[in-house]
Amino acid sequence: MTDSNSGSSIEELGELTFEQALERLDNTVQALESGGLSLEEATRLYEEGIGLARLCSETLASAELRITRIRTAHGEQMRFLAEDSTDYEATVC
């Protein structure tokens, strides 16, 4: 459902991939910076841009958390592999 003051609904923004949202945010910023928009249109684009920026930020935070969890879960294995390669390098040289 589209809000009367916004060209995009929250649901529609939530369906975008990170890359799509980032591209759309870039286009929104360019449109706002180019000027020549009515106050109503500029306000609508600004509101959409805030929603897109929030979506991108949340998506990045989620990816960062996932990477941290993966690194934590596999950290011991990575540490042991690094120690093994260091021991190997020390004996080869």
N, C-alpha and C. Protein backbone atom coordinates (compact mmCIF):
# COMPACT_ATOMS: atom_id res chain seq x y z
N MET A 1 0.85 -1.18 0.00
CA MET A 1 0.00 0.00 0.00
C MET A 1 0.89 1.23 0.00
N THR A 2 0.59 2.16 -0.86
CA THR A 2 1.41 3.36 -1.00
C THR A 2 0.83 4.49 -0.16
N ASP A 3 1.68 5.11 0.62
CA ASP A 3 1.30 6.26 1.44
C ASP A 3 1.02 7.43 0.50
N SER A 4 0.08 8.28 0.82
CA SER A 4 -0.28 9.39 -0.06
C SER A 4 0.86 10.39 -0.20
N ASN A 5 1.79 10.44 0.76
CA ASN A 5 2.90 11.37 0.69
C ASN A 5 4.17 10.73 0.15
N SER A 6 4.08 9.46 -0.22
CA SER A 6 5.27 8.74 -0.64
C SER A 6 4.99 7.98 -1.91
N GLY A 7 6.01 7.91 -2.79
CA GLY A 7 5.84 7.17 -4.03
C GLY A 7 6.07 5.69 -3.84
N SER A 8 6.62 5.27 -2.72
CA SER A 8 6.93 3.87 -2.48
C SER A 8 6.42 3.46 -1.13
N SER A 9 5.89 2.25 -1.08
CA SER A 9 5.43 1.74 0.20
C SER A 9 6.59 1.08 0.93
N ILE A 10 6.43 0.90 2.22
CA ILE A 10 7.43 0.22 3.02
C ILE A 10 7.61 -1.20 2.52
N GLU A 11 6.50 -1.86 2.17
CA GLU A 11 6.57 -3.22 1.66
C GLU A 11 7.38 -3.28 0.38
N GLU A 12 7.16 -2.32 -0.51
CA GLU A 12 7.89 -2.28 -1.78
C GLU A 12 9.38 -2.11 -1.54
N LEU A 13 9.76 -1.23 -0.64
CA LEU A 13 11.17 -1.02 -0.34
C LEU A 13 11.78 -2.27 0.26
N GLY A 14 11.01 -2.98 1.08
CA GLY A 14 11.51 -4.19 1.73
C GLY A 14 11.77 -5.32 0.76
N GLU A 15 11.19 -5.26 -0.43
CA GLU A 15 11.38 -6.30 -1.44
C GLU A 15 12.62 -6.08 -2.29
N LEU A 16 13.25 -4.93 -2.16
CA LEU A 16 14.44 -4.63 -2.96
C LEU A 16 15.66 -5.35 -2.41
N THR A 17 16.55 -5.74 -3.32
CA THR A 17 17.84 -6.25 -2.88
C THR A 17 18.68 -5.07 -2.43
N PHE A 18 19.77 -5.34 -1.75
CA PHE A 18 20.67 -4.27 -1.32
C PHE A 18 21.14 -3.45 -2.51
N GLU A 19 21.54 -4.13 -3.56
CA GLU A 19 22.06 -3.45 -4.74
C GLU A 19 20.99 -2.57 -5.40
N GLN A 20 19.76 -3.08 -5.46
CA GLN A 20 18.66 -2.30 -6.04
C GLN A 20 18.37 -1.07 -5.18
N ALA A 21 18.35 -1.25 -3.87
CA ALA A 21 18.08 -0.14 -2.96
C ALA A 21 19.17 0.91 -3.06
N LEU A 22 20.42 0.46 -3.14
CA LEU A 22 21.55 1.40 -3.23
C LEU A 22 21.50 2.19 -4.54
N GLU A 23 21.18 1.51 -5.63
CA GLU A 23 21.08 2.20 -6.92
C GLU A 23 19.93 3.21 -6.90
N ARG A 24 18.82 2.79 -6.32
CA ARG A 24 17.65 3.69 -6.24
C ARG A 24 17.95 4.89 -5.34
N LEU A 25 18.68 4.65 -4.26
CA LEU A 25 19.09 5.75 -3.38
C LEU A 25 20.00 6.71 -4.13
N ASP A 26 20.93 6.18 -4.89
CA ASP A 26 21.83 7.02 -5.67
C ASP A 26 21.05 7.87 -6.67
N ASN A 27 20.08 7.27 -7.34
CA ASN A 27 19.24 8.02 -8.29
C ASN A 27 18.42 9.09 -7.58
N THR A 28 17.94 8.77 -6.38
CA THR A 28 17.15 9.73 -5.60
C THR A 28 18.01 10.93 -5.21
N VAL A 29 19.22 10.65 -4.74
CA VAL A 29 20.14 11.73 -4.35
C VAL A 29 20.47 12.61 -5.56
N GLN A 30 20.73 11.98 -6.70
CA GLN A 30 21.04 12.76 -7.90
C GLN A 30 19.87 13.66 -8.30
N ALA A 31 18.66 13.13 -8.21
CA ALA A 31 17.48 13.92 -8.56
C ALA A 31 17.33 15.11 -7.60
N LEU A 32 17.56 14.87 -6.31
CA LEU A 32 17.45 15.96 -5.33
C LEU A 32 18.55 17.00 -5.55
N GLU A 33 19.75 16.56 -5.85
CA GLU A 33 20.87 17.49 -6.05
C GLU A 33 20.73 18.29 -7.33
N SER A 34 20.06 17.72 -8.33
CA SER A 34 19.92 18.43 -9.61
C SER A 34 19.00 19.63 -9.50
N GLY A 35 18.11 19.60 -8.51
CA GLY A 35 17.21 20.72 -8.30
C GLY A 35 16.08 20.72 -9.31
N GLY A 36 15.35 21.81 -9.34
CA GLY A 36 14.26 21.96 -10.28
C GLY A 36 13.01 21.17 -9.92
N LEU A 37 12.97 20.61 -8.73
CA LEU A 37 11.81 19.85 -8.29
C LEU A 37 10.87 20.75 -7.49
N SER A 38 9.61 20.41 -7.55
CA SER A 38 8.67 21.13 -6.69
C SER A 38 8.96 20.72 -5.24
N LEU A 39 8.49 21.53 -4.33
CA LEU A 39 8.69 21.22 -2.92
C LEU A 39 8.07 19.87 -2.58
N GLU A 40 6.89 19.61 -3.11
CA GLU A 40 6.19 18.34 -2.84
C GLU A 40 7.01 17.15 -3.36
N GLU A 41 7.52 17.26 -4.58
CA GLU A 41 8.30 16.17 -5.16
C GLU A 41 9.63 15.99 -4.42
N ALA A 42 10.28 17.09 -4.08
CA ALA A 42 11.54 17.01 -3.34
C ALA A 42 11.33 16.36 -1.97
N THR A 43 10.25 16.72 -1.32
CA THR A 43 9.93 16.14 -0.01
C THR A 43 9.64 14.65 -0.14
N ARG A 44 8.90 14.27 -1.18
CA ARG A 44 8.60 12.86 -1.41
C ARG A 44 9.88 12.06 -1.67
N LEU A 45 10.75 12.61 -2.50
CA LEU A 45 12.01 11.93 -2.79
C LEU A 45 12.90 11.85 -1.55
N TYR A 46 12.90 12.91 -0.76
CA TYR A 46 13.69 12.89 0.47
C TYR A 46 13.20 11.79 1.40
N GLU A 47 11.88 11.69 1.55
CA GLU A 47 11.30 10.67 2.41
C GLU A 47 11.66 9.27 1.89
N GLU A 48 11.56 9.08 0.59
CA GLU A 48 11.92 7.79 0.01
C GLU A 48 13.41 7.50 0.22
N GLY A 49 14.22 8.52 0.07
CA GLY A 49 15.66 8.36 0.26
C GLY A 49 16.01 7.95 1.69
N ILE A 50 15.32 8.53 2.65
CA ILE A 50 15.55 8.15 4.05
C ILE A 50 15.20 6.68 4.26
N GLY A 51 14.09 6.24 3.68
CA GLY A 51 13.70 4.84 3.78
C GLY A 51 14.72 3.91 3.12
N LEU A 52 15.22 4.31 1.97
CA LEU A 52 16.22 3.52 1.27
C LEU A 52 17.54 3.47 2.04
N ALA A 53 17.94 4.61 2.59
CA ALA A 53 19.17 4.66 3.38
C ALA A 53 19.06 3.76 4.61
N ARG A 54 17.91 3.78 5.25
CA ARG A 54 17.69 2.93 6.42
C ARG A 54 17.74 1.45 6.02
N LEU A 55 17.10 1.11 4.90
CA LEU A 55 17.11 -0.27 4.41
C LEU A 55 18.54 -0.72 4.12
N CYS A 56 19.32 0.11 3.46
CA CYS A 56 20.72 -0.24 3.16
C CYS A 56 21.53 -0.40 4.44
N SER A 57 21.34 0.49 5.37
CA SER A 57 22.06 0.43 6.64
C SER A 57 21.72 -0.84 7.41
N GLU A 58 20.43 -1.17 7.46
CA GLU A 58 20.01 -2.39 8.16
C GLU A 58 20.54 -3.64 7.48
N THR A 59 20.54 -3.63 6.15
CA THR A 59 21.05 -4.78 5.41
C THR A 59 22.54 -4.97 5.66
N LEU A 60 23.29 -3.87 5.67
CA LEU A 60 24.72 -3.94 5.94
C LEU A 60 24.99 -4.42 7.37
N ALA A 61 24.22 -3.91 8.32
CA ALA A 61 24.39 -4.33 9.72
C ALA A 61 24.10 -5.81 9.87
N SER A 62 23.08 -6.30 9.18
CA SER A 62 22.73 -7.72 9.23
C SER A 62 23.85 -8.57 8.63
N ALA A 63 24.40 -8.13 7.52
CA ALA A 63 25.50 -8.86 6.89
C ALA A 63 26.74 -8.87 7.79
N GLU A 64 27.01 -7.74 8.42
CA GLU A 64 28.16 -7.65 9.33
C GLU A 64 27.98 -8.60 10.51
N LEU A 65 26.77 -8.66 11.07
CA LEU A 65 26.50 -9.56 12.18
C LEU A 65 26.66 -11.01 11.74
N ARG A 66 26.17 -11.32 10.56
CA ARG A 66 26.30 -12.69 10.05
C ARG A 66 27.77 -13.07 9.87
N ILE A 67 28.57 -12.16 9.31
CA ILE A 67 30.00 -12.41 9.12
C ILE A 67 30.69 -12.59 10.47
N THR A 68 30.34 -11.78 11.44
CA THR A 68 30.92 -11.92 12.78
C THR A 68 30.59 -13.28 13.37
N ARG A 69 29.34 -13.72 13.21
CA ARG A 69 28.95 -15.04 13.72
C ARG A 69 29.71 -16.16 13.02
N ILE A 70 29.88 -16.04 11.72
CA ILE A 70 30.62 -17.05 10.97
C ILE A 70 32.07 -17.09 11.44
N ARG A 71 32.67 -15.91 11.57
CA ARG A 71 34.06 -15.86 12.02
C ARG A 71 34.22 -16.41 13.43
N THR A 72 33.26 -16.13 14.29
CA THR A 72 33.30 -16.64 15.65
C THR A 72 33.15 -18.16 15.65
N ALA A 73 32.21 -18.66 14.86
CA ALA A 73 31.96 -20.10 14.81
C ALA A 73 33.15 -20.86 14.23
N HIS A 74 33.82 -20.25 13.29
CA HIS A 74 34.93 -20.93 12.62
C HIS A 74 36.29 -20.37 13.04
N GLY A 75 36.28 -19.49 13.98
CA GLY A 75 37.51 -18.83 14.42
C GLY A 75 38.57 -19.79 14.92
N GLU A 76 38.16 -20.74 15.71
CA GLU A 76 39.11 -21.71 16.23
C GLU A 76 39.76 -22.49 15.09
N GLN A 77 38.98 -22.90 14.12
CA GLN A 77 39.52 -23.64 12.98
C GLN A 77 40.51 -22.78 12.21
N MET A 78 40.16 -21.51 12.00
CA MET A 78 41.04 -20.61 11.27
C MET A 78 42.33 -20.37 12.04
N ARG A 79 42.23 -20.25 13.36
CA ARG A 79 43.41 -20.01 14.18
C ARG A 79 44.35 -21.21 14.10
N PHE A 80 43.78 -22.42 14.19
CA PHE A 80 44.60 -23.62 14.11
C PHE A 80 45.25 -23.76 12.74
N LEU A 81 44.53 -23.43 11.68
CA LEU A 81 45.11 -23.49 10.34
C LEU A 81 46.25 -22.50 10.20
N ALA A 82 46.09 -21.31 10.74
CA ALA A 82 47.14 -20.30 10.68
C ALA A 82 48.37 -20.76 11.45
N GLU A 83 48.17 -21.36 12.62
CA GLU A 83 49.30 -21.85 13.41
C GLU A 83 50.00 -22.98 12.69
N ASP A 84 49.24 -23.88 12.06
CA ASP A 84 49.84 -24.99 11.32
C ASP A 84 50.67 -24.49 10.16
N SER A 85 50.19 -23.49 9.42
CA SER A 85 50.95 -22.98 8.27
C SER A 85 52.20 -22.25 8.74
N THR A 86 52.15 -21.60 9.90
CA THR A 86 53.32 -20.92 10.45
C THR A 86 54.37 -21.96 10.84
N ASP A 87 53.95 -23.04 11.46
CA ASP A 87 54.88 -24.11 11.84
C ASP A 87 55.49 -24.73 10.59
N TYR A 88 54.69 -24.92 9.55
CA TYR A 88 55.17 -25.50 8.31
C TYR A 88 56.20 -24.59 7.66
N GLU A 89 55.90 -23.28 7.60
CA GLU A 89 56.82 -22.33 7.00
C GLU A 89 58.14 -22.28 7.76
N ALA A 90 58.08 -22.40 9.08
CA ALA A 90 59.28 -22.34 9.90
C ALA A 90 60.16 -23.56 9.61
N THR A 91 59.58 -24.71 9.37
CA THR A 91 60.38 -25.91 9.13
C THR A 91 60.89 -25.97 7.70
N VAL A 92 60.19 -25.39 6.74
CA VAL A 92 60.59 -25.41 5.34
C VAL A 92 61.74 -24.45 5.09
N CYS A 93 61.69 -23.29 5.71
CA CYS A 93 62.71 -22.26 5.48
C CYS A 93 63.95 -22.63 6.16
